Amino acid sequence: MLSYHLKSALYDLDMLIEMTGSDIDDIRAAKQEPQFARLSLKEEKIRSFESKKAMIDHEISKLMTLNPEKGLENLLSEEQHLQLESLRAKLEALSEINKKYAKMVLTVSAFYNSLLERLVPTEMDGYNAVASKNSASFLEIRA
């Protein structure tokens, strides 16, 4: 059962890495709709991975409880050790691609915020940013 959960978790990580790579490509091409379309699928894969990770933890805990005299290295097969190592490597890869994605998102966000600030200047009113009084003339509507 542990091997099944490990394979399934590895698949989820592969899918998350692939989708995040697609998000990066879409940011570069200024395509936001595909990113928004993938968002719910990514959230589903994250929940799925978290569930499988909990099952993996439970299976390992159960093995250790049933065999308290043995260490973890003696409880798992060679294939399971390789799957755990692959799981760790894919988590690191996901972390790296998420960092790259986050930097791009922050850069694009800062660009659009500065552009908006130039078009509609704001000033702080406590913790809220509100349009400054000088910007009202820019948005004047005449009937």
N, C-alpha and C. Protein backbone atom coordinates (compact mmCIF):
# COMPACT_ATOMS: atom_id res chain seq x y z
N MET A 1 0.83 -1.19 0.00
CA MET A 1 0.00 0.00 0.00
C MET A 1 0.88 1.26 0.00
N LEU A 2 1.98 1.22 0.71
CA LEU A 2 2.89 2.36 0.78
C LEU A 2 3.42 2.71 -0.61
N SER A 3 3.81 1.70 -1.37
CA SER A 3 4.33 1.95 -2.72
C SER A 3 3.28 2.61 -3.60
N TYR A 4 2.04 2.19 -3.47
CA TYR A 4 0.96 2.78 -4.25
C TYR A 4 0.81 4.27 -3.92
N HIS A 5 0.82 4.60 -2.63
CA HIS A 5 0.68 6.00 -2.22
C HIS A 5 1.88 6.83 -2.69
N LEU A 6 3.06 6.23 -2.64
CA LEU A 6 4.26 6.94 -3.10
C LEU A 6 4.17 7.23 -4.60
N LYS A 7 3.79 6.23 -5.38
CA LYS A 7 3.66 6.43 -6.83
C LYS A 7 2.62 7.50 -7.15
N SER A 8 1.52 7.46 -6.44
CA SER A 8 0.45 8.42 -6.66
C SER A 8 0.89 9.83 -6.28
N ALA A 9 1.61 9.97 -5.18
CA ALA A 9 2.12 11.27 -4.75
C ALA A 9 3.14 11.81 -5.76
N LEU A 10 3.98 10.93 -6.28
CA LEU A 10 4.96 11.34 -7.29
C LEU A 10 4.26 11.85 -8.55
N TYR A 11 3.19 11.19 -8.93
CA TYR A 11 2.42 11.63 -10.09
C TYR A 11 1.84 13.03 -9.86
N ASP A 12 1.27 13.24 -8.66
CA ASP A 12 0.72 14.56 -8.34
C ASP A 12 1.80 15.64 -8.41
N LEU A 13 2.98 15.34 -7.90
CA LEU A 13 4.07 16.31 -7.95
C LEU A 13 4.49 16.60 -9.39
N ASP A 14 4.55 15.55 -10.21
CA ASP A 14 4.88 15.76 -11.62
C ASP A 14 3.86 16.69 -12.28
N MET A 15 2.60 16.47 -11.98
CA MET A 15 1.55 17.31 -12.56
C MET A 15 1.67 18.75 -12.07
N LEU A 16 1.95 18.96 -10.79
CA LEU A 16 2.10 20.31 -10.25
C LEU A 16 3.29 21.02 -10.87
N ILE A 17 4.39 20.31 -11.05
CA ILE A 17 5.58 20.90 -11.68
C ILE A 17 5.26 21.28 -13.12
N GLU A 18 4.59 20.39 -13.84
CA GLU A 18 4.23 20.67 -15.23
C GLU A 18 3.29 21.86 -15.33
N MET A 19 2.28 21.93 -14.47
CA MET A 19 1.33 23.05 -14.52
C MET A 19 2.00 24.36 -14.16
N THR A 20 2.91 24.35 -13.19
CA THR A 20 3.61 25.57 -12.83
C THR A 20 4.52 26.03 -13.96
N GLY A 21 5.15 25.08 -14.66
CA GLY A 21 5.94 25.42 -15.84
C GLY A 21 5.07 26.06 -16.91
N SER A 22 3.86 25.53 -17.10
CA SER A 22 2.92 26.12 -18.06
C SER A 22 2.51 27.53 -17.62
N ASP A 23 2.34 27.73 -16.31
CA ASP A 23 2.02 29.06 -15.80
C ASP A 23 3.13 30.05 -16.12
N ILE A 24 4.36 29.62 -15.96
CA ILE A 24 5.51 30.50 -16.27
C ILE A 24 5.51 30.85 -17.75
N ASP A 25 5.28 29.85 -18.61
CA ASP A 25 5.22 30.11 -20.05
C ASP A 25 4.09 31.09 -20.38
N ASP A 26 2.95 30.94 -19.71
CA ASP A 26 1.81 31.82 -19.97
C ASP A 26 2.07 33.24 -19.47
N ILE A 27 2.79 33.39 -18.36
CA ILE A 27 3.15 34.74 -17.90
C ILE A 27 4.04 35.41 -18.95
N ARG A 28 5.00 34.66 -19.47
CA ARG A 28 5.90 35.22 -20.49
C ARG A 28 5.14 35.64 -21.74
N ALA A 29 4.08 34.91 -22.06
CA ALA A 29 3.29 35.22 -23.25
C ALA A 29 2.11 36.13 -22.94
N ALA A 30 2.03 36.61 -21.70
CA ALA A 30 0.96 37.51 -21.25
C ALA A 30 -0.43 36.89 -21.46
N LYS A 31 -0.55 35.62 -21.14
CA LYS A 31 -1.83 34.90 -21.22
C LYS A 31 -2.29 34.56 -19.81
N GLN A 32 -3.26 35.30 -19.31
CA GLN A 32 -3.71 35.03 -17.96
C GLN A 32 -4.86 34.03 -17.89
N GLU A 33 -5.66 33.93 -18.93
CA GLU A 33 -6.82 33.03 -18.90
C GLU A 33 -6.42 31.56 -18.68
N PRO A 34 -5.41 31.03 -19.38
CA PRO A 34 -5.03 29.64 -19.12
C PRO A 34 -4.57 29.41 -17.67
N GLN A 35 -3.91 30.42 -17.10
CA GLN A 35 -3.47 30.30 -15.70
C GLN A 35 -4.67 30.20 -14.77
N PHE A 36 -5.66 31.06 -15.00
CA PHE A 36 -6.85 31.03 -14.16
C PHE A 36 -7.61 29.72 -14.34
N ALA A 37 -7.62 29.19 -15.56
CA ALA A 37 -8.30 27.93 -15.82
C ALA A 37 -7.63 26.76 -15.10
N ARG A 38 -6.30 26.83 -14.96
CA ARG A 38 -5.56 25.75 -14.27
C ARG A 38 -5.63 25.86 -12.75
N LEU A 39 -6.02 27.00 -12.25
CA LEU A 39 -5.96 27.24 -10.82
C LEU A 39 -6.72 26.20 -10.01
N SER A 40 -7.94 25.89 -10.38
CA SER A 40 -8.73 24.92 -9.62
C SER A 40 -8.11 23.52 -9.72
N LEU A 41 -7.56 23.19 -10.88
CA LEU A 41 -6.91 21.88 -11.03
C LEU A 41 -5.65 21.80 -10.15
N LYS A 42 -4.90 22.90 -10.10
CA LYS A 42 -3.71 22.92 -9.23
C LYS A 42 -4.11 22.77 -7.77
N GLU A 43 -5.15 23.47 -7.36
CA GLU A 43 -5.61 23.36 -5.97
C GLU A 43 -6.04 21.93 -5.66
N GLU A 44 -6.71 21.29 -6.61
CA GLU A 44 -7.14 19.91 -6.43
C GLU A 44 -5.93 18.98 -6.30
N LYS A 45 -4.91 19.19 -7.13
CA LYS A 45 -3.69 18.36 -7.07
C LYS A 45 -2.94 18.59 -5.76
N ILE A 46 -2.95 19.80 -5.26
CA ILE A 46 -2.30 20.08 -3.97
C ILE A 46 -3.02 19.33 -2.85
N ARG A 47 -4.35 19.41 -2.84
CA ARG A 47 -5.12 18.68 -1.82
C ARG A 47 -4.89 17.18 -1.95
N SER A 48 -4.85 16.69 -3.17
CA SER A 48 -4.61 15.27 -3.41
C SER A 48 -3.24 14.86 -2.88
N PHE A 49 -2.22 15.67 -3.19
CA PHE A 49 -0.88 15.36 -2.69
C PHE A 49 -0.83 15.37 -1.17
N GLU A 50 -1.44 16.37 -0.56
CA GLU A 50 -1.44 16.45 0.90
C GLU A 50 -2.11 15.23 1.52
N SER A 51 -3.18 14.78 0.90
CA SER A 51 -3.88 13.58 1.38
C SER A 51 -2.99 12.34 1.24
N LYS A 52 -2.33 12.21 0.11
CA LYS A 52 -1.45 11.06 -0.11
C LYS A 52 -0.24 11.12 0.81
N LYS A 53 0.26 12.32 1.05
CA LYS A 53 1.38 12.48 1.98
C LYS A 53 0.98 12.02 3.38
N ALA A 54 -0.24 12.35 3.80
CA ALA A 54 -0.74 11.90 5.10
C ALA A 54 -0.86 10.39 5.14
N MET A 55 -1.28 9.79 4.03
CA MET A 55 -1.39 8.33 3.98
C MET A 55 -0.01 7.68 4.03
N ILE A 56 0.96 8.30 3.36
CA ILE A 56 2.34 7.79 3.40
C ILE A 56 2.86 7.84 4.84
N ASP A 57 2.66 8.97 5.50
CA ASP A 57 3.08 9.11 6.89
C ASP A 57 2.42 8.06 7.77
N HIS A 58 1.13 7.84 7.54
CA HIS A 58 0.39 6.85 8.33
C HIS A 58 0.94 5.43 8.09
N GLU A 59 1.20 5.09 6.84
CA GLU A 59 1.72 3.75 6.52
C GLU A 59 3.11 3.54 7.14
N ILE A 60 3.96 4.54 7.07
CA ILE A 60 5.30 4.43 7.66
C ILE A 60 5.20 4.32 9.18
N SER A 61 4.33 5.12 9.76
CA SER A 61 4.12 5.06 11.21
C SER A 61 3.61 3.69 11.63
N LYS A 62 2.69 3.15 10.85
CA LYS A 62 2.14 1.83 11.15
C LYS A 62 3.24 0.76 11.08
N LEU A 63 4.08 0.83 10.05
CA LEU A 63 5.19 -0.11 9.92
C LEU A 63 6.13 -0.03 11.12
N MET A 64 6.43 1.19 11.54
CA MET A 64 7.35 1.37 12.66
C MET A 64 6.73 0.91 13.97
N THR A 65 5.42 1.08 14.12
CA THR A 65 4.73 0.63 15.33
C THR A 65 4.70 -0.89 15.39
N LEU A 66 4.48 -1.54 14.25
CA LEU A 66 4.42 -3.00 14.21
C LEU A 66 5.80 -3.64 14.36
N ASN A 67 6.85 -2.91 14.02
CA ASN A 67 8.22 -3.42 14.09
C ASN A 67 9.12 -2.44 14.83
N PRO A 68 8.90 -2.27 16.14
CA PRO A 68 9.66 -1.25 16.87
C PRO A 68 11.16 -1.57 16.98
N GLU A 69 11.52 -2.82 16.81
CA GLU A 69 12.93 -3.20 16.95
C GLU A 69 13.75 -2.91 15.69
N LYS A 70 13.07 -2.62 14.58
CA LYS A 70 13.77 -2.36 13.32
C LYS A 70 13.78 -0.87 13.01
N GLY A 71 14.82 -0.43 12.36
CA GLY A 71 14.91 0.94 11.89
C GLY A 71 14.17 1.09 10.57
N LEU A 72 13.87 2.31 10.20
CA LEU A 72 13.13 2.57 8.96
C LEU A 72 13.87 2.01 7.75
N GLU A 73 15.19 2.11 7.76
CA GLU A 73 15.95 1.62 6.60
C GLU A 73 15.78 0.12 6.39
N ASN A 74 15.43 -0.62 7.46
CA ASN A 74 15.22 -2.07 7.34
C ASN A 74 13.75 -2.43 7.07
N LEU A 75 12.86 -1.48 7.23
CA LEU A 75 11.43 -1.76 7.05
C LEU A 75 10.98 -1.58 5.60
N LEU A 76 11.66 -0.71 4.88
CA LEU A 76 11.23 -0.38 3.52
C LEU A 76 12.04 -1.14 2.49
N SER A 77 11.39 -1.45 1.38
CA SER A 77 12.09 -2.12 0.28
C SER A 77 12.99 -1.11 -0.43
N GLU A 78 13.85 -1.64 -1.28
CA GLU A 78 14.75 -0.77 -2.06
C GLU A 78 13.93 0.16 -2.95
N GLU A 79 12.85 -0.37 -3.53
CA GLU A 79 11.99 0.44 -4.39
C GLU A 79 11.36 1.58 -3.59
N GLN A 80 10.91 1.31 -2.37
CA GLN A 80 10.29 2.34 -1.54
C GLN A 80 11.30 3.40 -1.13
N HIS A 81 12.55 2.97 -0.87
CA HIS A 81 13.60 3.96 -0.56
C HIS A 81 13.83 4.87 -1.77
N LEU A 82 13.86 4.28 -2.96
CA LEU A 82 14.06 5.07 -4.18
C LEU A 82 12.88 6.02 -4.41
N GLN A 83 11.68 5.54 -4.13
CA GLN A 83 10.50 6.40 -4.29
C GLN A 83 10.53 7.55 -3.30
N LEU A 84 10.94 7.30 -2.07
CA LEU A 84 11.04 8.38 -1.08
C LEU A 84 12.10 9.40 -1.50
N GLU A 85 13.21 8.92 -2.04
CA GLU A 85 14.26 9.83 -2.51
C GLU A 85 13.75 10.64 -3.70
N SER A 86 13.01 10.00 -4.58
CA SER A 86 12.43 10.70 -5.72
C SER A 86 11.40 11.73 -5.25
N LEU A 87 10.64 11.38 -4.23
CA LEU A 87 9.66 12.30 -3.66
C LEU A 87 10.35 13.56 -3.13
N ARG A 88 11.45 13.36 -2.42
CA ARG A 88 12.20 14.49 -1.89
C ARG A 88 12.75 15.36 -3.03
N ALA A 89 13.29 14.72 -4.06
CA ALA A 89 13.86 15.46 -5.19
C ALA A 89 12.77 16.25 -5.93
N LYS A 90 11.60 15.66 -6.11
CA LYS A 90 10.52 16.35 -6.81
C LYS A 90 9.96 17.50 -5.97
N LEU A 91 9.94 17.32 -4.65
CA LEU A 91 9.51 18.43 -3.78
C LEU A 91 10.48 19.60 -3.90
N GLU A 92 11.78 19.30 -3.97
CA GLU A 92 12.77 20.36 -4.15
C GLU A 92 12.60 21.04 -5.51
N ALA A 93 12.33 20.24 -6.55
CA ALA A 93 12.13 20.81 -7.89
C ALA A 93 10.88 21.70 -7.90
N LEU A 94 9.82 21.24 -7.24
CA LEU A 94 8.59 22.04 -7.16
C LEU A 94 8.85 23.34 -6.40
N SER A 95 9.62 23.26 -5.35
CA SER A 95 9.95 24.46 -4.58
C SER A 95 10.71 25.46 -5.45
N GLU A 96 11.67 24.98 -6.23
CA GLU A 96 12.46 25.87 -7.09
C GLU A 96 11.60 26.51 -8.18
N ILE A 97 10.75 25.72 -8.81
CA ILE A 97 9.92 26.28 -9.89
C ILE A 97 8.87 27.23 -9.31
N ASN A 98 8.40 26.95 -8.09
CA ASN A 98 7.45 27.87 -7.43
C ASN A 98 8.12 29.19 -7.09
N LYS A 99 9.40 29.15 -6.68
CA LYS A 99 10.14 30.39 -6.41
C LYS A 99 10.25 31.23 -7.68
N LYS A 100 10.57 30.56 -8.78
CA LYS A 100 10.70 31.26 -10.06
C LYS A 100 9.35 31.87 -10.46
N TYR A 101 8.29 31.10 -10.30
CA TYR A 101 6.94 31.57 -10.63
C TYR A 101 6.55 32.76 -9.74
N ALA A 102 6.84 32.66 -8.45
CA ALA A 102 6.50 33.74 -7.52
C ALA A 102 7.24 35.03 -7.87
N LYS A 103 8.50 34.92 -8.25
CA LYS A 103 9.25 36.12 -8.65
C LYS A 103 8.61 36.77 -9.87
N MET A 104 8.20 35.96 -10.83
CA MET A 104 7.58 36.51 -12.03
C MET A 104 6.24 37.17 -11.69
N VAL A 105 5.46 36.53 -10.84
CA VAL A 105 4.16 37.09 -10.45
C VAL A 105 4.35 38.42 -9.73
N LEU A 106 5.32 38.47 -8.81
CA LEU A 106 5.57 39.72 -8.09
C LEU A 106 6.04 40.83 -9.03
N THR A 107 6.87 40.48 -9.99
CA THR A 107 7.36 41.47 -10.94
C THR A 107 6.22 42.03 -11.79
N VAL A 108 5.38 41.14 -12.30
CA VAL A 108 4.24 41.58 -13.11
C VAL A 108 3.28 42.41 -12.26
N SER A 109 3.04 41.96 -11.04
CA SER A 109 2.15 42.70 -10.14
C SER A 109 2.69 44.09 -9.85
N ALA A 110 3.98 44.19 -9.59
CA ALA A 110 4.59 45.50 -9.32
C ALA A 110 4.48 46.41 -10.55
N PHE A 111 4.66 45.84 -11.72
CA PHE A 111 4.53 46.62 -12.95
C PHE A 111 3.12 47.19 -13.10
N TYR A 112 2.12 46.32 -12.95
CA TYR A 112 0.73 46.79 -13.10
C TYR A 112 0.34 47.76 -11.99
N ASN A 113 0.81 47.55 -10.79
CA ASN A 113 0.51 48.48 -9.71
C ASN A 113 1.14 49.85 -9.97
N SER A 114 2.38 49.87 -10.46
CA SER A 114 3.01 51.17 -10.76
C SER A 114 2.32 51.85 -11.93
N LEU A 115 1.88 51.06 -12.91
CA LEU A 115 1.14 51.64 -14.03
C LEU A 115 -0.18 52.23 -13.57
N LEU A 116 -0.88 51.52 -12.72
CA LEU A 116 -2.14 52.01 -12.17
C LEU A 116 -1.91 53.26 -11.32
N GLU A 117 -0.85 53.28 -10.56
CA GLU A 117 -0.53 54.43 -9.73
C GLU A 117 -0.26 55.67 -10.59
N ARG A 118 0.35 55.48 -11.75
CA ARG A 118 0.59 56.60 -12.65
C ARG A 118 -0.71 57.12 -13.26
N LEU A 119 -1.63 56.20 -13.56
CA LEU A 119 -2.89 56.60 -14.16
C LEU A 119 -3.84 57.22 -13.15
N VAL A 120 -3.93 56.58 -11.97
CA VAL A 120 -4.84 57.05 -10.92
C VAL A 120 -4.02 57.14 -9.63
N PRO A 121 -3.42 58.29 -9.38
CA PRO A 121 -2.60 58.44 -8.18
C PRO A 121 -3.44 58.18 -6.91
N THR A 122 -2.83 57.52 -5.95
CA THR A 122 -3.51 57.21 -4.68
C THR A 122 -2.70 57.77 -3.52
N GLU A 123 -3.38 57.92 -2.42
CA GLU A 123 -2.70 58.29 -1.17
C GLU A 123 -3.28 57.43 -0.07
N MET A 124 -2.53 57.28 0.98
CA MET A 124 -2.94 56.40 2.07
C MET A 124 -3.90 57.14 3.00
N ASP A 125 -4.99 56.49 3.34
CA ASP A 125 -5.95 56.97 4.32
C ASP A 125 -6.02 55.89 5.39
N GLY A 126 -5.12 55.99 6.36
CA GLY A 126 -4.97 54.91 7.34
C GLY A 126 -4.29 53.74 6.65
N TYR A 127 -4.95 52.59 6.63
CA TYR A 127 -4.39 51.41 5.97
C TYR A 127 -4.94 51.23 4.55
N ASN A 128 -5.80 52.13 4.12
CA ASN A 128 -6.43 51.99 2.81
C ASN A 128 -5.83 52.99 1.82
N ALA A 129 -5.62 52.52 0.60
CA ALA A 129 -5.19 53.41 -0.48
C ALA A 129 -6.43 53.94 -1.17
N VAL A 130 -6.54 55.24 -1.25
CA VAL A 130 -7.69 55.86 -1.90
C VAL A 130 -7.18 56.80 -2.99
N ALA A 131 -8.01 57.04 -3.98
CA ALA A 131 -7.63 57.94 -5.06
C ALA A 131 -7.39 59.33 -4.46
N SER A 132 -6.30 59.93 -4.89
CA SER A 132 -6.00 61.27 -4.37
C SER A 132 -6.98 62.28 -4.96
N LYS A 133 -7.09 63.40 -4.29
CA LYS A 133 -8.03 64.44 -4.72
C LYS A 133 -7.64 64.99 -6.09
N ASN A 134 -6.37 64.96 -6.40
CA ASN A 134 -5.90 65.47 -7.70
C ASN A 134 -6.30 64.56 -8.86
N SER A 135 -6.55 63.30 -8.58
CA SER A 135 -6.88 62.37 -9.66
C SER A 135 -8.32 62.49 -10.10
N ALA A 136 -9.16 63.16 -9.33
CA ALA A 136 -10.58 63.29 -9.69
C ALA A 136 -10.74 64.02 -11.02
N SER A 137 -9.88 65.00 -11.28
CA SER A 137 -10.01 65.74 -12.53
C SER A 137 -9.66 64.84 -13.72
N PHE A 138 -8.82 63.86 -13.52
CA PHE A 138 -8.45 62.93 -14.59
C PHE A 138 -9.63 62.07 -14.99
N LEU A 139 -10.47 61.73 -14.00
CA LEU A 139 -11.60 60.83 -14.25
C LEU A 139 -12.91 61.59 -14.39
N GLU A 140 -12.86 62.87 -14.65
CA GLU A 140 -14.07 63.67 -14.76
C GLU A 140 -14.93 63.19 -15.92
N ILE A 141 -16.21 63.07 -15.65
CA ILE A 141 -17.14 62.61 -16.67
C ILE A 141 -18.05 63.77 -17.02
N ARG A 142 -18.24 64.01 -18.29
CA ARG A 142 -19.11 65.09 -18.75
C ARG A 142 -20.26 64.49 -19.54
N ALA A 143 -21.43 64.98 -19.24
CA ALA A 143 -22.63 64.47 -19.94
C ALA A 143 -23.02 65.39 -21.06
